[in-house]
């Protein structure tokens, strides 16, 4: 049903106010709903903080993603030295090397120790590579998943704040509309009490100071007091909304047409609600951390090749090394690093006549101490984190189901109230038309007409209040379902 325009509503309120001896404060301007929402968002101090937090979370996630997804290249001059001697002159030695590590764990390296001095120069270039066969623990994998979840949470927090701001505004406007309905009800009761007193004096001949007149006067004074309280409550409700939006006093807040609150929106599954999704994402990160903590063995295949030592100038007393090629494995477990390589070493071109190459075996073994029981503690911590995350997921799912049941009950209540409010508004509209015709024929006076006017305005205010309740209900459902579905950061994949 079409709502009254602000000028007509102001005229009706002014008519009622004139009949009871008061004045209606004029509105300075009529604010639309979009203007109110934009003004409330512009004055909010939390939205900029959430926007900054979202950007910071995205930077952290992109940094971790780039670190894991891009090869790491390292170039080093090694230990270089320059020595000066009176007999041999200057001597230079260095061990330049370069390496690249790929995201999957494969790695390549190259190095060439060299020396120059005393009329001779030498270099020993070599290449090395490794390919993981059994991957060890990767703390960065769980960290990247946590950062991705943090980014999604930051995005949702910003969007949820926008919806929460609108919900707060809607509730404030609803309180204003409810206060307006209460004011119209008080105006109607006051007009009714005044009409009863005038009728008793004019028709029934009630004498001033008599018991009947005094009783009716007391009812009128009580109605006037209730009306003043309702006016004060209406003013306070409007001032709270004006302060929230930064508007000057006097804005016609009742002119703000709220968007239609859709009560027929489909209910999401409890598993898809915002809090359940966030808890499930945290549990997924905890699961990755637990699985990574269980990885205790790391195994890789290795391949190393060296060119013959390059010598120029006067050869040294030691025979230059020949070329070699070796293949083997590297193992790491609980602080123990072991490796073995088997291959062939060829004779150097600078070796003495008759020198031959032969098989070669390289062994490597090292151990780094760890606190006793550290591995068990790390694993237990990861398991406890996973258990807590799964418990939070179950709790979030229970709370989500409870909230959905509450919203379902509220929807039924809103539908019932909507039917009753529509019937009341239709009756009040027909009654006003009937009383307007009677007033033109002189059947009813201004006091009776003012009472019907107030009844109609009260029905309209109640209908408007219900519209805000419907909008608030749909906003709550959107908050539960997640305000930015589909805007998640891409999950890191191994």
Protein backbone atom coordinates (compact mmCIF):
# COMPACT_ATOMS: atom_id res chain seq x y z
CA UNK A 1 0.00 0.00 0.00
CA UNK A 2 1.28 3.44 -0.87
CA UNK A 3 2.66 5.40 2.06
CA UNK A 4 1.86 9.07 2.60
CA UNK A 5 4.24 11.65 1.27
CA UNK A 6 6.17 13.71 3.84
CA UNK A 7 4.09 16.89 3.22
CA UNK A 8 0.80 15.02 3.73
CA UNK A 9 2.11 13.30 6.86
CA UNK A 10 3.32 16.61 8.26
CA UNK A 11 -0.08 18.15 7.55
CA UNK A 12 -1.89 15.34 9.34
CA UNK A 13 0.37 15.57 12.38
CA UNK A 14 0.01 19.32 12.40
CA UNK A 15 -3.78 18.99 12.36
CA UNK A 16 -3.69 16.67 15.35
CA UNK A 17 -1.25 18.93 17.16
CA UNK A 18 -3.42 21.98 16.54
CA UNK A 19 -6.45 20.24 17.98
CA UNK A 20 -4.62 19.46 21.23
CA UNK A 21 -3.13 22.89 21.53
CA UNK A 22 0.44 22.02 20.47
CA UNK A 23 2.67 22.66 17.48
CA UNK A 24 4.44 20.25 15.17
CA UNK A 25 8.11 20.90 14.48
CA UNK A 26 8.69 21.19 10.72
CA UNK A 27 11.23 18.89 9.07
CA UNK A 28 14.27 20.52 7.49
CA UNK A 29 14.67 17.92 4.74
CA UNK A 30 13.66 14.39 3.84
CA UNK A 31 16.56 11.92 3.72
CA UNK A 32 16.38 8.84 1.52
CA UNK A 33 17.42 5.42 2.78
CA UNK A 34 20.48 5.34 0.53
CA UNK A 35 21.58 8.75 1.84
CA UNK A 36 21.23 7.54 5.41
CA UNK A 37 23.19 4.35 4.72
CA UNK A 38 25.98 6.18 2.88
CA UNK A 39 26.26 8.79 5.64
CA UNK A 40 26.44 6.13 8.37
CA UNK A 41 29.17 4.25 6.47
CA UNK A 42 31.16 7.45 5.87
CA UNK A 43 31.16 8.26 9.59
CA UNK A 44 32.19 4.78 10.71
CA UNK A 45 35.72 4.58 12.12
CA UNK A 46 36.05 0.80 11.97
CA UNK A 47 35.61 0.32 8.22
CA UNK A 48 38.96 2.00 7.34
CA UNK A 49 40.71 -0.18 9.91
CA UNK A 50 39.14 -3.32 8.44
CA UNK A 51 40.09 -2.22 4.92
CA UNK A 52 43.70 -1.74 6.05
CA UNK A 53 43.65 -5.13 7.77
CA UNK A 54 42.36 -6.76 4.59
CA UNK A 55 45.13 -5.20 2.51
CA UNK A 56 47.78 -6.25 5.04
CA UNK A 57 46.42 -9.81 5.05
CA UNK A 58 46.51 -9.89 1.25
CA UNK A 59 50.11 -8.64 1.20
CA UNK A 60 51.14 -11.35 3.67
CA UNK A 61 49.34 -14.05 1.68
CA UNK A 62 50.74 -12.90 -1.67
CA UNK A 63 54.24 -12.76 -0.18
CA UNK A 64 53.98 -16.32 1.12
CA UNK A 65 52.46 -17.51 -2.15
CA UNK A 66 55.22 -15.87 -4.19
CA UNK A 67 57.86 -17.30 -1.89
CA UNK A 68 56.53 -20.83 -2.33
CA UNK A 69 55.66 -20.58 -6.02
CA UNK A 70 58.83 -19.00 -7.43
CA UNK A 71 62.23 -20.68 -7.78
CA UNK A 72 64.85 -19.45 -5.36
CA UNK A 73 68.13 -18.45 -6.96
CA UNK A 74 71.30 -17.96 -4.97
CA UNK A 75 74.63 -16.70 -6.28
CA UNK A 76 77.71 -16.48 -4.09
CA UNK A 77 81.37 -15.58 -4.57
CA UNK A 78 82.25 -17.94 -1.78
CA UNK A 79 85.33 -17.43 0.33
CA UNK A 80 87.60 -15.17 -1.75
CA UNK A 81 91.05 -14.08 -0.71
CA UNK A 82 93.85 -12.01 -2.21
CA UNK A 83 97.34 -12.59 -0.84
CA UNK A 84 100.57 -10.71 -1.59
CA UNK A 85 103.96 -12.42 -1.24
CA UNK A 86 107.49 -11.13 -2.00
CA UNK A 87 108.53 -14.29 -3.83
CA UNK A 88 105.39 -15.45 -5.66
CA UNK A 89 103.63 -12.16 -6.07
CA UNK A 90 99.87 -11.78 -5.70
CA UNK A 91 97.62 -14.84 -5.39
CA UNK A 92 93.85 -14.90 -5.77
CA UNK A 93 91.53 -17.69 -4.69
CA UNK A 94 87.72 -17.87 -4.72
CA UNK A 95 84.89 -20.42 -4.78
CA UNK A 96 82.03 -18.92 -6.83
CA UNK A 97 78.82 -20.92 -6.87
CA UNK A 98 75.21 -20.61 -7.98
CA UNK A 99 72.12 -22.61 -7.20
CA UNK A 100 68.39 -22.73 -7.95
CA UNK A 101 65.74 -24.47 -5.84
CA UNK A 102 62.37 -25.19 -7.44
CA UNK A 103 59.03 -25.17 -5.58
CA UNK A 104 58.66 -28.94 -5.78
CA UNK A 105 61.96 -29.51 -3.97
CA UNK A 106 64.22 -30.20 -6.93
CA UNK A 107 67.49 -28.25 -6.95
CA UNK A 108 70.43 -27.57 -9.24
CA UNK A 109 73.80 -26.12 -8.31
CA UNK A 110 77.08 -25.20 -10.00
CA UNK A 111 80.42 -24.24 -8.51
CA UNK A 112 83.97 -23.72 -9.64
CA UNK A 113 86.73 -23.16 -7.06
CA UNK A 114 89.58 -21.30 -8.72
CA UNK A 115 93.01 -19.95 -7.90
CA UNK A 116 95.37 -17.66 -9.75
CA UNK A 117 98.95 -16.87 -8.78
CA UNK A 118 102.64 -17.85 -8.98
CA UNK A 119 102.46 -18.17 -12.74
CA UNK A 120 99.68 -20.75 -12.68
CA UNK A 121 95.88 -20.88 -12.63
CA UNK A 122 93.40 -23.66 -11.96
CA UNK A 123 89.63 -24.17 -11.83
CA UNK A 124 87.45 -27.13 -10.87
CA UNK A 125 83.93 -26.70 -12.30
CA UNK A 126 81.18 -29.08 -11.17
CA UNK A 127 77.40 -29.51 -11.33
CA UNK A 128 75.01 -31.01 -8.83
CA UNK A 129 71.33 -31.82 -8.67
CA UNK A 130 68.80 -33.39 -6.36
CA UNK A 131 65.26 -34.69 -6.79
CA UNK A 132 63.04 -35.34 -3.75
CA UNK A 133 61.67 -38.85 -3.44
CA UNK A 134 60.11 -38.45 -0.01
CA UNK A 135 59.29 -34.95 1.13
CA UNK A 136 60.04 -33.87 4.67
CA UNK A 137 58.00 -31.50 6.86
CA UNK A 138 57.15 -28.17 5.27
CA UNK A 139 56.03 -25.59 7.89
CA UNK A 140 55.42 -23.07 5.13
CA UNK A 141 52.55 -25.14 3.71
CA UNK A 142 50.40 -24.79 6.82
CA UNK A 143 51.46 -21.17 7.20
CA UNK A 144 50.32 -20.36 3.67
CA UNK A 145 46.96 -22.02 4.33
CA UNK A 146 46.59 -20.02 7.54
CA UNK A 147 47.40 -16.80 5.68
CA UNK A 148 44.84 -17.66 2.99
CA UNK A 149 42.22 -18.25 5.68
CA UNK A 150 43.21 -14.98 7.36
CA UNK A 151 42.75 -13.14 4.06
CA UNK A 152 39.30 -14.64 3.55
CA UNK A 153 38.38 -13.73 7.12
CA UNK A 154 39.60 -10.15 6.65
CA UNK A 155 37.54 -9.78 3.49
CA UNK A 156 34.46 -11.15 5.18
CA UNK A 157 35.02 -8.94 8.23
CA UNK A 158 35.00 -5.80 6.09
CA UNK A 159 31.88 -6.80 4.21
CA UNK A 160 30.22 -7.96 7.42
CA UNK A 161 30.93 -4.57 9.00
CA UNK A 162 29.12 -2.85 6.12
CA UNK A 163 26.11 -5.11 6.66
CA UNK A 164 26.31 -4.62 10.43
CA UNK A 165 26.32 -0.84 9.97
CA UNK A 166 23.24 -1.09 7.79
CA UNK A 167 21.60 -3.38 10.33
CA UNK A 168 22.29 -0.88 13.13
CA UNK A 169 20.81 1.88 10.97
CA UNK A 170 17.73 -0.21 10.21
CA UNK A 171 17.20 -0.92 13.88
CA UNK A 172 17.52 2.78 14.66
CA UNK A 173 14.98 3.64 11.97
CA UNK A 174 12.74 0.88 13.26
CA UNK A 175 12.88 2.40 16.76
CA UNK A 176 12.03 5.77 15.24
CA UNK A 177 9.07 4.29 13.40
CA UNK A 178 7.94 2.45 16.54
CA UNK A 179 8.24 5.68 18.54
CA UNK A 180 6.20 7.43 15.86
CA UNK A 181 3.53 4.73 16.11
CA UNK A 182 3.49 5.13 19.90
CA UNK A 183 3.19 8.90 19.49
CA UNK A 184 0.25 8.53 17.12
CA UNK A 185 -1.41 6.16 19.56
CA UNK A 186 -0.90 8.73 22.34
CA UNK A 187 -2.31 11.47 20.10
CA UNK A 188 -5.33 9.29 19.38
CA UNK A 189 -5.95 8.63 23.08
CA UNK A 190 -5.57 12.32 23.87
CA UNK A 191 -7.97 13.28 21.10
CA UNK A 192 -10.40 10.64 22.35
CA UNK A 193 -10.19 11.93 25.93
CA UNK A 194 -10.66 15.51 24.76
CA UNK A 195 -13.61 14.48 22.61
CA UNK A 196 -15.20 12.64 25.54
CA UNK A 197 -14.83 15.71 27.77
CA UNK A 198 -16.28 18.06 25.14
CA UNK A 199 -19.17 15.67 24.46
CA UNK A 200 -19.93 15.39 28.17
CA UNK A 201 -20.05 19.18 28.49
CA UNK A 202 -21.95 19.80 25.24
CA UNK A 203 -24.36 16.89 25.03
CA UNK A 204 -24.67 15.44 28.53
CA UNK A 205 -24.51 18.80 30.31
CA UNK A 206 -21.73 17.80 32.69
CA UNK A 207 -21.21 20.70 35.08
CA UNK A 208 -17.69 22.05 35.58
CA UNK A 209 -16.34 20.75 38.88
CA UNK A 210 -18.72 17.80 38.90
CA UNK A 211 -17.58 14.23 39.40
CA UNK A 212 -18.07 13.29 35.75
CA UNK A 213 -16.22 16.35 34.45
CA UNK A 214 -13.39 15.95 36.96
CA UNK A 215 -12.98 12.27 36.04
CA UNK A 216 -12.83 13.10 32.35
CA UNK A 217 -10.40 15.95 32.98
CA UNK A 218 -8.10 13.58 34.87
CA UNK A 219 -8.19 11.17 31.92
CA UNK A 220 -7.35 14.06 29.59
CA UNK A 221 -4.42 15.21 31.73
CA UNK A 222 -3.10 11.62 31.86
CA UNK A 223 -3.43 11.37 28.09
CA UNK A 224 -1.58 14.69 27.69
CA UNK A 225 1.22 13.40 29.91
CA UNK A 226 1.46 10.17 27.91
CA UNK A 227 1.57 12.20 24.71
CA UNK A 228 4.42 14.38 26.01
CA UNK A 229 6.39 11.25 26.97
CA UNK A 230 5.76 9.78 23.53
CA UNK A 231 6.96 13.01 21.91
CA UNK A 232 10.13 12.90 23.96
CA UNK A 233 10.77 9.25 23.06
CA UNK A 234 10.15 10.02 19.39
CA UNK A 235 12.58 12.92 19.51
CA UNK A 236 15.29 10.84 21.19
CA UNK A 237 14.92 8.01 18.67
CA UNK A 238 15.25 10.44 15.79
CA UNK A 239 18.24 12.18 17.34
CA UNK A 240 20.11 8.88 17.69
CA UNK A 241 19.71 8.17 13.98
CA UNK A 242 20.64 11.75 13.08
CA UNK A 243 23.76 11.53 15.21
CA UNK A 244 24.72 8.20 13.65
CA UNK A 245 24.44 9.71 10.18
CA UNK A 246 25.81 13.15 11.05
CA UNK A 247 22.61 14.96 10.07
CA UNK A 248 21.36 18.17 11.61
CA UNK A 249 18.27 17.82 13.85
CA UNK A 250 14.98 17.94 12.02
CA UNK A 251 15.54 15.45 9.20
CA UNK A 252 12.36 13.65 8.14
CA UNK A 253 13.59 10.14 8.84
CA UNK A 254 10.19 8.62 8.20
CA UNK A 255 10.49 9.63 4.55
CA UNK A 256 13.26 7.05 4.11
CA UNK A 257 11.70 4.25 2.10
CA UNK A 258 13.52 1.05 3.13
CA UNK A 259 14.28 -1.62 0.53
CA UNK A 260 11.90 -4.53 0.59
CA UNK A 261 13.01 -7.17 3.06
CA UNK A 262 12.68 -10.50 1.30
CA UNK A 263 11.21 -13.07 3.67
CA UNK A 264 11.20 -15.70 0.95
CA UNK A 265 14.98 -15.91 0.70
CA UNK A 266 16.18 -19.54 0.62
CA UNK A 267 17.82 -20.67 3.81
CA UNK A 268 21.43 -21.81 3.42
CA UNK A 269 22.69 -25.02 4.95
CA UNK A 270 24.14 -24.71 8.43
CA UNK A 271 27.46 -25.99 7.04
CA UNK A 272 27.60 -23.04 4.62
CA UNK A 273 27.04 -20.32 7.20
CA UNK A 274 29.83 -17.81 7.83
CA UNK A 275 30.95 -19.01 11.24
CA UNK A 276 30.87 -22.68 10.21
CA UNK A 277 32.95 -21.99 7.09
CA UNK A 278 35.54 -20.00 9.07
CA UNK A 279 35.84 -22.76 11.67
CA UNK A 280 36.18 -25.39 8.96
CA UNK A 281 38.96 -23.42 7.27
CA UNK A 282 40.84 -23.18 10.57
CA UNK A 283 40.44 -26.92 11.03
CA UNK A 284 41.81 -27.54 7.53
CA UNK A 285 44.92 -25.50 8.36
CA UNK A 286 45.33 -27.43 11.62
CA UNK A 287 45.00 -30.71 9.70
CA UNK A 288 47.79 -29.67 7.32
CA UNK A 289 49.99 -28.71 10.27
CA UNK A 290 49.38 -32.10 11.91
CA UNK A 291 50.15 -33.99 8.71
CA UNK A 292 53.33 -31.99 8.16
CA UNK A 293 54.48 -32.65 11.72
CA UNK A 294 54.18 -36.40 11.02
CA UNK A 295 56.67 -36.20 8.18
CA UNK A 296 59.92 -37.25 9.82
CA UNK A 297 61.90 -38.75 6.92
CA UNK A 298 63.26 -36.86 3.93
CA UNK A 299 64.81 -38.75 1.01
CA UNK A 300 66.25 -37.33 -2.20
CA UNK A 301 68.12 -38.71 -5.22
CA UNK A 302 71.36 -36.87 -6.02
CA UNK A 303 73.53 -36.53 -9.10
CA UNK A 304 76.94 -34.84 -9.17
CA UNK A 305 79.28 -34.31 -12.10
CA UNK A 306 82.69 -32.63 -12.18
CA UNK A 307 84.81 -31.62 -15.16
CA UNK A 308 88.57 -32.27 -15.17
CA UNK A 309 90.49 -29.68 -13.22
CA UNK A 310 91.57 -26.97 -15.59
CA UNK A 311 95.21 -26.00 -15.17
CA UNK A 312 97.18 -23.28 -16.93
CA UNK A 313 100.84 -22.33 -16.45
CA UNK A 314 103.25 -24.21 -14.27
CA UNK A 315 101.49 -27.26 -12.82
CA UNK A 316 101.48 -27.84 -9.11
CA UNK A 317 103.17 -30.77 -7.46
CA UNK A 318 99.80 -32.54 -6.90
CA UNK A 319 98.20 -34.25 -9.87
CA UNK A 320 95.11 -32.43 -11.13
CA UNK A 321 91.77 -34.11 -10.45
CA UNK A 322 89.98 -35.81 -13.27
CA UNK A 323 86.33 -35.76 -14.28
CA UNK A 324 83.77 -37.67 -12.24
CA UNK A 325 80.10 -38.54 -12.21
CA UNK A 326 78.27 -39.82 -9.14
CA UNK A 327 74.70 -40.77 -8.34
CA UNK A 328 73.24 -41.57 -4.96
CA UNK A 329 70.82 -40.53 -2.25
CA UNK A 330 70.53 -38.16 0.72
CA UNK A 331 68.57 -39.08 3.82
CA UNK A 332 67.50 -36.94 6.80
CA UNK A 333 65.81 -38.31 9.91
CA UNK A 334 65.56 -36.92 13.45
CA UNK A 335 68.61 -34.68 13.12
CA UNK A 336 70.69 -37.33 11.34
CA UNK A 337 71.83 -36.54 7.81
CA UNK A 338 73.32 -39.35 5.75
CA UNK A 339 74.22 -39.74 2.12
CA UNK A 340 76.01 -42.04 -0.27
CA UNK A 341 77.06 -41.57 -3.88
CA UNK A 342 78.53 -44.15 -6.24
CA UNK A 343 80.04 -43.42 -9.60
CA UNK A 344 83.18 -43.28 -11.69
CA UNK A 345 86.17 -41.00 -11.60
CA UNK A 346 88.11 -40.58 -14.82
CA UNK A 347 91.83 -40.02 -15.08
CA UNK A 348 92.99 -36.45 -15.53
CA UNK A 349 94.46 -35.46 -18.88
CA UNK A 350 97.39 -34.04 -16.90
CA UNK A 351 97.97 -37.26 -14.98
CA UNK A 352 101.09 -39.35 -15.46
CA UNK A 353 101.22 -41.84 -18.26
CA UNK A 354 99.36 -45.02 -17.50
CA UNK A 355 97.03 -43.50 -14.91
CA UNK A 356 93.50 -44.86 -15.14
CA UNK A 357 90.19 -43.97 -13.61
CA UNK A 358 88.09 -46.15 -11.37
CA UNK A 359 84.94 -46.46 -9.30
CA UNK A 360 84.32 -43.94 -6.55
CA UNK A 361 82.18 -44.06 -3.41
CA UNK A 362 81.39 -40.96 -1.34
CA UNK A 363 79.80 -41.22 2.12
CA UNK A 364 78.36 -38.40 4.21
CA UNK A 365 77.10 -38.53 7.79
CA UNK A 366 76.23 -35.80 10.32
CA UNK A 367 74.13 -35.50 13.44
CA UNK A 368 72.57 -32.52 15.16
CA UNK A 369 71.31 -33.01 18.69
CA UNK A 370 67.71 -32.21 19.61
CA UNK A 371 66.04 -31.90 23.02
CA UNK A 372 64.81 -35.27 24.28
CA UNK A 373 61.19 -35.91 23.34
CA UNK A 374 60.98 -32.81 21.10
CA UNK A 375 59.48 -34.74 18.18
CA UNK A 376 56.73 -36.20 20.37
CA UNK A 377 55.95 -32.78 21.79
CA UNK A 378 55.70 -31.21 18.33
CA UNK A 379 53.36 -33.95 17.17
CA UNK A 380 51.21 -33.69 20.30
CA UNK A 381 50.92 -29.91 19.93
CA UNK A 382 49.74 -30.34 16.35
CA UNK A 383 47.20 -32.97 17.41
CA UNK A 384 45.87 -30.75 20.20
CA UNK A 385 45.53 -27.84 17.77
CA UNK A 386 43.56 -30.07 15.40
CA UNK A 387 41.31 -31.39 18.20
CA UNK A 388 40.55 -27.84 19.32
CA UNK A 389 39.83 -26.74 15.75
CA UNK A 390 37.46 -29.67 15.20
CA UNK A 391 35.69 -28.91 18.49
CA UNK A 392 35.26 -25.29 17.42
CA UNK A 393 33.87 -26.50 14.11
CA UNK A 394 31.26 -28.65 15.85
CA UNK A 395 30.33 -25.77 18.16
CA UNK A 396 30.05 -23.36 15.23
CA UNK A 397 27.80 -25.82 13.42
CA UNK A 398 25.50 -26.16 16.44
CA UNK A 399 25.31 -22.38 16.83
CA UNK A 400 24.61 -21.97 13.12
CA UNK A 401 21.70 -24.42 13.30
CA UNK A 402 20.30 -22.62 16.35
CA UNK A 403 20.48 -19.27 14.54
CA UNK A 404 18.73 -20.69 11.50
CA UNK A 405 15.93 -22.04 13.70
CA UNK A 406 15.61 -18.61 15.35
CA UNK A 407 15.40 -16.87 11.97
CA UNK A 408 12.77 -19.36 10.83
CA UNK A 409 10.62 -18.56 13.88
CA UNK A 410 11.11 -14.83 13.33
CA UNK A 411 10.07 -15.17 9.70
CA UNK A 412 6.81 -16.85 10.69
CA UNK A 413 6.18 -14.07 13.22
CA UNK A 414 6.90 -11.37 10.62
CA UNK A 415 4.52 -12.97 8.13
CA UNK A 416 1.77 -13.06 10.76
CA UNK A 417 2.42 -9.47 11.81
CA UNK A 418 2.45 -8.39 8.17
CA UNK A 419 -1.03 -9.77 7.57
CA UNK A 420 -2.37 -8.10 10.71
CA UNK A 421 -0.69 -4.76 9.91
CA UNK A 422 -2.05 -4.78 6.35
CA UNK A 423 -5.58 -5.41 7.64
CA UNK A 424 -5.26 -2.64 10.23
CA UNK A 425 -3.96 -0.17 7.65
CA UNK A 426 -6.76 -1.03 5.24
CA UNK A 427 -9.39 -0.58 7.96
CA UNK A 428 -7.88 2.73 9.13
CA UNK A 429 -7.78 4.05 5.55
CA UNK A 430 -11.45 3.17 4.95
CA UNK A 431 -12.41 4.64 8.31
CA UNK A 432 -10.66 7.93 7.49
CA UNK A 433 -12.51 8.19 4.16
CA UNK A 434 -15.82 7.56 5.96
CA UNK A 435 -15.11 10.16 8.65
CA UNK A 436 -14.01 12.69 6.04
CA UNK A 437 -17.42 12.37 4.34
CA UNK A 438 -19.21 12.65 7.68
CA UNK A 439 -17.19 15.73 8.62
CA UNK A 440 -18.24 17.45 5.39
CA UNK A 441 -21.89 16.83 6.31
CA UNK A 442 -21.31 17.97 9.89
CA UNK A 443 -22.01 14.58 11.43
CA UNK A 444 -18.67 14.48 13.29
CA UNK A 445 -16.51 17.27 14.60
CA UNK A 446 -12.84 18.05 14.34
CA UNK A 447 -12.00 16.15 17.53
CA UNK A 448 -13.52 12.91 16.19
CA UNK A 449 -11.77 13.40 12.87
CA UNK A 450 -8.43 14.06 14.60
CA UNK A 451 -8.82 10.78 16.47
CA UNK A 452 -9.28 8.87 13.21
CA UNK A 453 -6.35 10.74 11.63
CA UNK A 454 -4.13 9.65 14.50
CA UNK A 455 -5.36 6.06 14.14
CA UNK A 456 -4.41 6.05 10.45
CA UNK A 457 -0.98 7.54 11.11
CA UNK A 458 -0.42 4.98 13.84
CA UNK A 459 -1.30 2.14 11.44
CA UNK A 460 1.06 3.57 8.84
CA UNK A 461 3.86 3.92 11.37
CA UNK A 462 3.32 0.34 12.52
CA UNK A 463 3.42 -0.83 8.91
CA UNK A 464 6.67 1.09 8.38
CA UNK A 465 8.14 -0.38 11.56
CA UNK A 466 7.29 -3.84 10.27
CA UNK A 467 9.04 -3.05 6.97
CA UNK A 468 12.23 -2.26 8.90
CA UNK A 469 11.85 -5.50 10.85
CA UNK A 470 11.64 -7.40 7.56
CA UNK A 471 14.74 -5.63 6.24
CA UNK A 472 16.63 -6.32 9.46
CA UNK A 473 15.69 -9.99 9.18
CA UNK A 474 17.06 -10.26 5.64
CA UNK A 475 20.27 -8.46 6.66
CA UNK A 476 20.77 -10.90 9.54
CA UNK A 477 20.37 -13.79 7.13
CA UNK A 478 22.96 -12.27 4.80
CA UNK A 479 25.35 -11.82 7.72
CA UNK A 480 24.94 -15.46 8.67
CA UNK A 481 25.29 -16.74 5.11
CA UNK A 482 28.48 -14.77 4.50
CA UNK A 483 28.55 -11.32 2.88
CA UNK A 484 31.20 -12.00 0.22
CA UNK A 485 30.70 -15.53 -1.01
CA UNK A 486 32.90 -16.29 -3.99
CA UNK A 487 35.54 -13.72 -3.08
CA UNK A 488 37.84 -16.13 -1.32
CA UNK A 489 41.55 -16.11 -1.88
CA UNK A 490 42.83 -19.07 -3.90
CA UNK A 491 43.92 -21.86 -1.62
CA UNK A 492 47.53 -22.88 -1.90
CA UNK A 493 48.05 -26.26 -3.51
CA UNK A 494 51.01 -28.49 -3.26
